[in-house]
PDB file of N, CA and C in Angstrom:
ATOM      1  N   ARG A   1      61.999 119.718 270.534  1.00  0.00           N
ATOM      2  CA  ARG A   1      63.152 120.596 270.483  1.00  0.00           C
ATOM      3  C   ARG A   1      62.991 121.504 269.264  1.00  0.00           C
ATOM      4  N   TYR A   2      62.804 122.780 269.508  1.00  0.00           N
ATOM      5  CA  TYR A   2      62.552 123.702 268.408  1.00  0.00           C
ATOM      6  C   TYR A   2      63.570 124.824 268.304  1.00  0.00           C
ATOM      7  N   ALA A   3      64.194 125.226 269.408  1.00  0.00           N
ATOM      8  CA  ALA A   3      65.128 126.353 269.356  1.00  0.00           C
ATOM      9  C   ALA A   3      66.209 126.184 270.408  1.00  0.00           C
ATOM     10  N   ASP A   4      67.399 126.648 270.059  1.00  0.00           N
ATOM     11  CA  ASP A   4      68.514 126.629 271.002  1.00  0.00           C
ATOM     12  C   ASP A   4      68.895 128.032 271.441  1.00  0.00           C
ATOM     13  N   VAL A   5      68.336 129.044 270.752  1.00  0.00           N
ATOM     14  CA  VAL A   5      68.668 130.439 271.042  1.00  0.00           C
ATOM     15  C   VAL A   5      67.375 131.246 271.130  1.00  0.00           C
ATOM     16  N   ALA A   6      67.316 132.141 272.102  1.00  0.00           N
ATOM     17  CA  ALA A   6      66.181 133.057 272.234  1.00  0.00           C
ATOM     18  C   ALA A   6      66.730 134.476 272.284  1.00  0.00           C
ATOM     19  N   LEU A   7      66.126 135.380 271.526  1.00  0.00           N
ATOM     20  CA  LEU A   7      66.503 136.792 271.535  1.00  0.00           C
ATOM     21  C   LEU A   7      65.388 137.556 272.230  1.00  0.00           C
ATOM     22  N   VAL A   8      65.734 138.242 273.316  1.00  0.00           N
ATOM     23  CA  VAL A   8      64.744 139.017 274.061  1.00  0.00           C
ATOM     24  C   VAL A   8      65.107 140.493 273.997  1.00  0.00           C
ATOM     25  N   ARG A   9      64.097 141.340 273.843  1.00  0.00           N
ATOM     26  CA  ARG A   9      64.303 142.790 273.826  1.00  0.00           C
ATOM     27  C   ARG A   9      63.814 143.345 275.144  1.00  0.00           C
ATOM     28  N   THR A  10      64.711 143.965 275.877  1.00  0.00           N
ATOM     29  CA  THR A  10      64.369 144.519 277.180  1.00  0.00           C
ATOM     30  C   THR A  10      64.966 145.907 277.324  1.00  0.00           C
ATOM     31  N   ALA A  11      64.476 146.634 278.307  1.00  0.00           N
ATOM     32  CA  ALA A  11      64.982 147.981 278.561  1.00  0.00           C
ATOM     33  C   ALA A  11      66.031 147.998 279.667  1.00  0.00           C
ATOM     34  N   ARG A  12      66.062 146.953 280.487  1.00  0.00           N
ATOM     35  CA  ARG A  12      66.984 146.933 281.632  1.00  0.00           C
ATOM     36  C   ARG A  12      67.608 145.548 281.774  1.00  0.00           C
ATOM     37  N   PRO A  13      68.847 145.489 282.253  1.00  0.00           N
ATOM     38  CA  PRO A  13      69.489 144.186 282.466  1.00  0.00           C
ATOM     39  C   PRO A  13      68.696 143.269 283.396  1.00  0.00           C
ATOM     40  N   ALA A  14      68.036 143.836 284.408  1.00  0.00           N
ATOM     41  CA  ALA A  14      67.244 143.009 285.325  1.00  0.00           C
ATOM     42  C   ALA A  14      66.086 142.327 284.594  1.00  0.00           C
ATOM     43  N   GLU A  15      65.498 143.016 283.611  1.00  0.00           N
ATOM     44  CA  GLU A  15      64.420 142.422 282.822  1.00  0.00           C
ATOM     45  C   GLU A  15      64.955 141.283 281.963  1.00  0.00           C
ATOM     46  N   ALA A  16      66.165 141.448 281.432  1.00  0.00           N
ATOM     47  CA  ALA A  16      66.789 140.383 280.642  1.00  0.00           C
ATOM     48  C   ALA A  16      67.042 139.158 281.512  1.00  0.00           C
ATOM     49  N   ALA A  17      67.503 139.374 282.734  1.00  0.00           N
ATOM     50  CA  ALA A  17      67.758 138.263 283.652  1.00  0.00           C
ATOM     51  C   ALA A  17      66.459 137.541 284.001  1.00  0.00           C
ATOM     52  N   ALA A  18      65.385 138.290 284.197  1.00  0.00           N
ATOM     53  CA  ALA A  18      64.090 137.679 284.512  1.00  0.00           C
ATOM     54  C   ALA A  18      63.570 136.867 283.324  1.00  0.00           C
ATOM     55  N   ALA A  19      63.726 137.403 282.113  1.00  0.00           N
ATOM     56  CA  ALA A  19      63.293 136.681 280.915  1.00  0.00           C
ATOM     57  C   ALA A  19      64.101 135.396 280.753  1.00  0.00           C
ATOM     58  N   ARG A  20      65.390 135.470 281.019  1.00  0.00           N
ATOM     59  CA  ARG A  20      66.252 134.285 280.931  1.00  0.00           C
ATOM     60  C   ARG A  20      65.803 133.223 281.926  1.00  0.00           C
ATOM     61  N   ALA A  21      65.529 133.633 283.148  1.00  0.00           N
ATOM     62  CA  ALA A  21      65.090 132.682 284.172  1.00  0.00           C
ATOM     63  C   ALA A  21      63.770 132.021 283.770  1.00  0.00           C
ATOM     64  N   GLU A  22      62.848 132.808 283.225  1.00  0.00           N
ATOM     65  CA  GLU A  22      61.556 132.269 282.801  1.00  0.00           C
ATOM     66  C   GLU A  22      61.719 131.277 281.647  1.00  0.00           C
ATOM     67  N   LEU A  23      62.570 131.619 280.675  1.00  0.00           N
ATOM     68  CA  LEU A  23      62.794 130.727 279.540  1.00  0.00           C
ATOM     69  C   LEU A  23      63.471 129.432 279.966  1.00  0.00           C
ATOM     70  N   ARG A  24      64.445 129.545 280.870  1.00  0.00           N
ATOM     71  CA  ARG A  24      65.140 128.346 281.351  1.00  0.00           C
ATOM     72  C   ARG A  24      64.182 127.441 282.128  1.00  0.00           C
ATOM     73  N   ALA A  25      63.313 128.025 282.940  1.00  0.00           N
ATOM     74  CA  ALA A  25      62.334 127.234 283.689  1.00  0.00           C
ATOM     75  C   ALA A  25      61.371 126.530 282.736  1.00  0.00           C
ATOM     76  N   SER A  26      60.937 127.238 281.702  1.00  0.00           N
ATOM     77  CA  SER A  26      60.029 126.649 280.723  1.00  0.00           C
ATOM     78  C   SER A  26      60.707 125.503 279.975  1.00  0.00           C
ATOM     79  N   ALA A  27      61.977 125.693 279.634  1.00  0.00           N
ATOM     80  CA  ALA A  27      62.721 124.626 278.953  1.00  0.00           C
ATOM     81  C   ALA A  27      62.780 123.381 279.827  1.00  0.00           C
ATOM     82  N   ALA A  28      63.062 123.562 281.105  1.00  0.00           N
ATOM     83  CA  ALA A  28      63.145 122.427 282.031  1.00  0.00           C
ATOM     84  C   ALA A  28      61.788 121.731 282.164  1.00  0.00           C
ATOM     85  N   GLU A  29      60.704 122.512 282.213  1.00  0.00           N
ATOM     86  CA  GLU A  29      59.357 121.937 282.321  1.00  0.00           C
ATOM     87  C   GLU A  29      59.012 121.057 281.127  1.00  0.00           C
ATOM     88  N   HIS A  30      59.599 121.384 279.979  1.00  0.00           N
ATOM     89  CA  HIS A  30      59.309 120.638 278.748  1.00  0.00           C
ATOM     90  C   HIS A  30      60.376 119.592 278.439  1.00  0.00           C
ATOM     91  N   GLY A  31      61.176 119.245 279.443  1.00  0.00           N
ATOM     92  CA  GLY A  31      62.155 118.184 279.275  1.00  0.00           C
ATOM     93  C   GLY A  31      63.437 118.581 278.576  1.00  0.00           C
ATOM     94  N   ARG A  32      63.655 119.880 278.430  1.00  0.00           N
ATOM     95  CA  ARG A  32      64.882 120.365 277.788  1.00  0.00           C
ATOM     96  C   ARG A  32      65.927 120.661 278.843  1.00  0.00           C
ATOM     97  N   ASP A  33      67.191 120.596 278.463  1.00  0.00           N
ATOM     98  CA  ASP A  33      68.289 120.974 279.344  1.00  0.00           C
ATOM     99  C   ASP A  33      68.378 122.502 279.341  1.00  0.00           C
ATOM    100  N   PRO A  34      68.117 123.172 280.464  1.00  0.00           N
ATOM    101  CA  PRO A  34      68.152 124.637 280.486  1.00  0.00           C
ATOM    102  C   PRO A  34      69.522 125.205 280.118  1.00  0.00           C
ATOM    103  N   ASP A  35      70.590 124.449 280.380  1.00  0.00           N
ATOM    104  CA  ASP A  35      71.932 124.933 280.046  1.00  0.00           C
ATOM    105  C   ASP A  35      72.198 124.910 278.542  1.00  0.00           C
ATOM    106  N   ALA A  36      71.381 124.178 277.779  1.00  0.00           N
ATOM    107  CA  ALA A  36      71.552 124.130 276.327  1.00  0.00           C
ATOM    108  C   ALA A  36      70.926 125.348 275.644  1.00  0.00           C
ATOM    109  N   LEU A  37      70.074 126.071 276.357  1.00  0.00           N
ATOM    110  CA  LEU A  37      69.405 127.244 275.799  1.00  0.00           C
ATOM    111  C   LEU A  37      70.284 128.479 275.967  1.00  0.00           C
ATOM    112  N   ARG A  38      70.497 129.203 274.897  1.00  0.00           N
ATOM    113  CA  ARG A  38      71.247 130.461 274.933  1.00  0.00           C
ATOM    114  C   ARG A  38      70.252 131.606 274.804  1.00  0.00           C
ATOM    115  N   VAL A  39      70.340 132.550 275.722  1.00  0.00           N
ATOM    116  CA  VAL A  39      69.441 133.699 275.703  1.00  0.00           C
ATOM    117  C   VAL A  39      70.272 134.944 275.419  1.00  0.00           C
ATOM    118  N   LEU A  40      69.959 135.613 274.324  1.00  0.00           N
ATOM    119  CA  LEU A  40      70.641 136.844 273.930  1.00  0.00           C
ATOM    120  C   LEU A  40      69.723 138.018 274.225  1.00  0.00           C
ATOM    121  N   ALA A  41      70.281 139.074 274.779  1.00  0.00           N
ATOM    122  CA  ALA A  41      69.484 140.250 275.127  1.00  0.00           C
ATOM    123  C   ALA A  41      69.837 141.419 274.218  1.00  0.00           C
ATOM    124  N   ALA A  42      68.820 142.032 273.637  1.00  0.00           N
ATOM    125  CA  ALA A  42      68.979 143.252 272.851  1.00  0.00           C
ATOM    126  C   ALA A  42      68.553 144.399 273.762  1.00  0.00           C
ATOM    127  N   LEU A  43      69.512 145.060 274.368  1.00  0.00           N
ATOM    128  CA  LEU A  43      69.220 146.139 275.312  1.00  0.00           C
ATOM    129  C   LEU A  43      69.171 147.478 274.588  1.00  0.00           C
ATOM    130  N   HIS A  44      68.273 148.341 275.016  1.00  0.00           N
ATOM    131  CA  HIS A  44      68.220 149.710 274.516  1.00  0.00           C
ATOM    132  C   HIS A  44      69.252 150.526 275.285  1.00  0.00           C
ATOM    133  N   VAL A  45      69.979 151.371 274.579  1.00  0.00           N
ATOM    134  CA  VAL A  45      70.994 152.203 275.217  1.00  0.00           C
ATOM    135  C   VAL A  45      70.501 153.647 275.232  1.00  0.00           C
ATOM    136  N   ASP A  46      70.459 154.247 276.410  1.00  0.00           N
ATOM    137  CA  ASP A  46      70.042 155.641 276.568  1.00  0.00           C
ATOM    138  C   ASP A  46      71.294 156.490 276.684  1.00  0.00           C
ATOM    139  N   LEU A  47      71.491 157.392 275.735  1.00  0.00           N
ATOM    140  CA  LEU A  47      72.684 158.230 275.715  1.00  0.00           C
ATOM    141  C   LEU A  47      72.544 159.479 276.571  1.00  0.00           C
ATOM    142  N   GLY A  48      71.459 159.593 277.296  1.00  0.00           N
ATOM    143  CA  GLY A  48      71.255 160.778 278.119  1.00  0.00           C
ATOM    144  C   GLY A  48      70.507 161.851 277.350  1.00  0.00           C
ATOM    145  N   ASP A  49      70.491 163.061 277.880  1.00  0.00           N
ATOM    146  CA  ASP A  49      69.731 164.127 277.232  1.00  0.00           C
ATOM    147  C   ASP A  49      70.616 165.084 276.454  1.00  0.00           C
ATOM    148  N   GLY A  50      71.756 164.630 275.968  1.00  0.00           N
ATOM    149  CA  GLY A  50      72.653 165.487 275.208  1.00  0.00           C
ATOM    150  C   GLY A  50      72.399 165.479 273.717  1.00  0.00           C
ATOM    151  N   GLU A  51      71.469 164.666 273.236  1.00  0.00           N
ATOM    152  CA  GLU A  51      71.187 164.576 271.804  1.00  0.00           C
ATOM    153  C   GLU A  51      69.977 165.439 271.456  1.00  0.00           C
ATOM    154  N   TYR A  52      70.167 166.386 270.581  1.00  0.00           N
ATOM    155  CA  TYR A  52      69.079 167.248 270.128  1.00  0.00           C
ATOM    156  C   TYR A  52      69.069 167.278 268.609  1.00  0.00           C
ATOM    157  N   ALA A  53      67.952 167.659 268.034  1.00  0.00           N
ATOM    158  CA  ALA A  53      67.847 167.753 266.583  1.00  0.00           C
ATOM    159  C   ALA A  53      68.843 168.776 266.059  1.00  0.00           C
ATOM    160  N   ALA A  54      69.457 168.456 264.928  1.00  0.00           N
ATOM    161  CA  ALA A  54      70.484 169.326 264.366  1.00  0.00           C
ATOM    162  C   ALA A  54      69.893 170.514 263.620  1.00  0.00           C
ATOM    163  N   GLU A  55      68.682 170.403 263.131  1.00  0.00           N
ATOM    164  CA  GLU A  55      68.076 171.470 262.343  1.00  0.00           C
ATOM    165  C   GLU A  55      66.662 171.764 262.842  1.00  0.00           C
ATOM    166  N   PRO A  56      66.211 173.004 262.680  1.00  0.00           N
ATOM    167  CA  PRO A  56      64.827 173.314 263.043  1.00  0.00           C
ATOM    168  C   PRO A  56      63.863 172.448 262.232  1.00  0.00           C
ATOM    169  N   GLY A  57      62.780 172.056 262.844  1.00  0.00           N
ATOM    170  CA  GLY A  57      61.793 171.245 262.142  1.00  0.00           C
ATOM    171  C   GLY A  57      62.032 169.751 262.252  1.00  0.00           C
ATOM    172  N   HIS A  58      63.094 169.352 262.926  1.00  0.00           N
ATOM    173  CA  HIS A  58      63.402 167.926 263.084  1.00  0.00           C
ATOM    174  C   HIS A  58      63.054 167.443 264.480  1.00  0.00           C
ATOM    175  N   GLY A  59      62.117 168.045 265.128  1.00  0.00           N
ATOM    176  CA  GLY A  59      61.699 167.585 266.450  1.00  0.00           C
ATOM    177  C   GLY A  59      62.190 168.492 267.547  1.00  0.00           C
ATOM    178  N   GLY A  60      63.478 168.704 267.645  1.00  0.00           N
ATOM    179  CA  GLY A  60      64.046 169.585 268.659  1.00  0.00           C
ATOM    180  C   GLY A  60      63.671 169.206 270.074  1.00  0.00           C
ATOM    181  N   GLY A  61      64.323 169.808 271.029  1.00  0.00           N
ATOM    182  CA  GLY A  61      63.969 169.606 272.423  1.00  0.00           C
ATOM    183  C   GLY A  61      64.363 168.270 273.008  1.00  0.00           C
ATOM    184  N   GLY A  62      65.231 167.543 272.359  1.00  0.00           N
ATOM    185  CA  GLY A  62      65.690 166.279 272.923  1.00  0.00           C
ATOM    186  C   GLY A  62      64.942 165.075 272.391  1.00  0.00           C
ATOM    187  N   PRO A  63      65.093 163.957 273.064  1.00  0.00           N
ATOM    188  CA  PRO A  63      64.521 162.709 272.548  1.00  0.00           C
ATOM    189  C   PRO A  63      63.003 162.664 272.669  1.00  0.00           C
ATOM    190  N   ARG A  64      62.403 161.934 271.740  1.00  0.00           N
ATOM    191  CA  ARG A  64      60.963 161.675 271.790  1.00  0.00           C
ATOM    192  C   ARG A  64      60.787 160.303 272.429  1.00  0.00           C
ATOM    193  N   LEU A  65      59.983 160.216 273.465  1.00  0.00           N
ATOM    194  CA  LEU A  65      59.779 158.946 274.150  1.00  0.00           C
ATOM    195  C   LEU A  65      58.830 158.062 273.354  1.00  0.00           C
ATOM    196  N   THR A  66      59.212 156.806 273.162  1.00  0.00           N
ATOM    197  CA  THR A  66      58.404 155.813 272.465  1.00  0.00           C
ATOM    198  C   THR A  66      58.242 154.604 273.378  1.00  0.00           C
ATOM    199  N   PRO A  67      57.347 153.682 273.062  1.00  0.00           N
ATOM    200  CA  PRO A  67      57.197 152.481 273.890  1.00  0.00           C
ATOM    201  C   PRO A  67      58.480 151.654 273.979  1.00  0.00           C
ATOM    202  N   SER A  68      59.360 151.772 272.964  1.00  0.00           N
ATOM    203  CA  SER A  68      60.616 151.018 272.966  1.00  0.00           C
ATOM    204  C   SER A  68      61.741 151.756 273.666  1.00  0.00           C
ATOM    205  N   GLY A  69      61.499 153.002 274.046  1.00  0.00           N
ATOM    206  CA  GLY A  69      62.533 153.809 274.690  1.00  0.00           C
ATOM    207  C   GLY A  69      62.670 155.139 273.978  1.00  0.00           C
ATOM    208  N   PRO A  70      63.655 155.970 274.374  1.00  0.00           N
ATOM    209  CA  PRO A  70      63.814 157.278 273.750  1.00  0.00           C
ATOM    210  C   PRO A  70      64.298 157.162 272.309  1.00  0.00           C
ATOM    211  N   LEU A  71      63.776 158.024 271.445  1.00  0.00           N
ATOM    212  CA  LEU A  71      64.155 158.048 270.041  1.00  0.00           C
ATOM    213  C   LEU A  71      64.885 159.355 269.766  1.00  0.00           C
ATOM    214  N   TYR A  72      66.109 159.257 269.279  1.00  0.00           N
ATOM    215  CA  TYR A  72      66.912 160.429 268.955  1.00  0.00           C
ATOM    216  C   TYR A  72      66.919 160.618 267.452  1.00  0.00           C
ATOM    217  N   ARG A  73      66.858 161.871 267.028  1.00  0.00           N
ATOM    218  CA  ARG A  73      66.846 162.159 265.601  1.00  0.00           C
ATOM    219  C   ARG A  73      67.729 163.361 265.336  1.00  0.00           C
ATOM    220  N   GLY A  74      68.568 163.251 264.353  1.00  0.00           N
ATOM    221  CA  GLY A  74      69.451 164.353 263.987  1.00  0.00           C
ATOM    222  C   GLY A  74      69.240 164.744 262.541  1.00  0.00           C
ATOM    223  N   GLY A  75      69.877 165.818 262.113  1.00  0.00           N
ATOM    224  CA  GLY A  75      69.699 166.295 260.751  1.00  0.00           C
ATOM    225  C   GLY A  75      70.720 165.798 259.808  1.00  0.00           C
TER     226      GLY A  75
END
């Protein structure tokens, strides 16, 4: 018994649900009660394309896409 809480970072609620199912199955395989495991999801929130750089030279043109999701930057 090493952890009672798992924090997963996902881009979509369906991915969080899949991660939860996988963690619960793994807990059961190792003799743990799956209901004792709490899975917290850190979801990325996309505000749409209404965010633009406030000043010239700060990127402009909307969000910059990163592996973790869109990155917004203001002045």
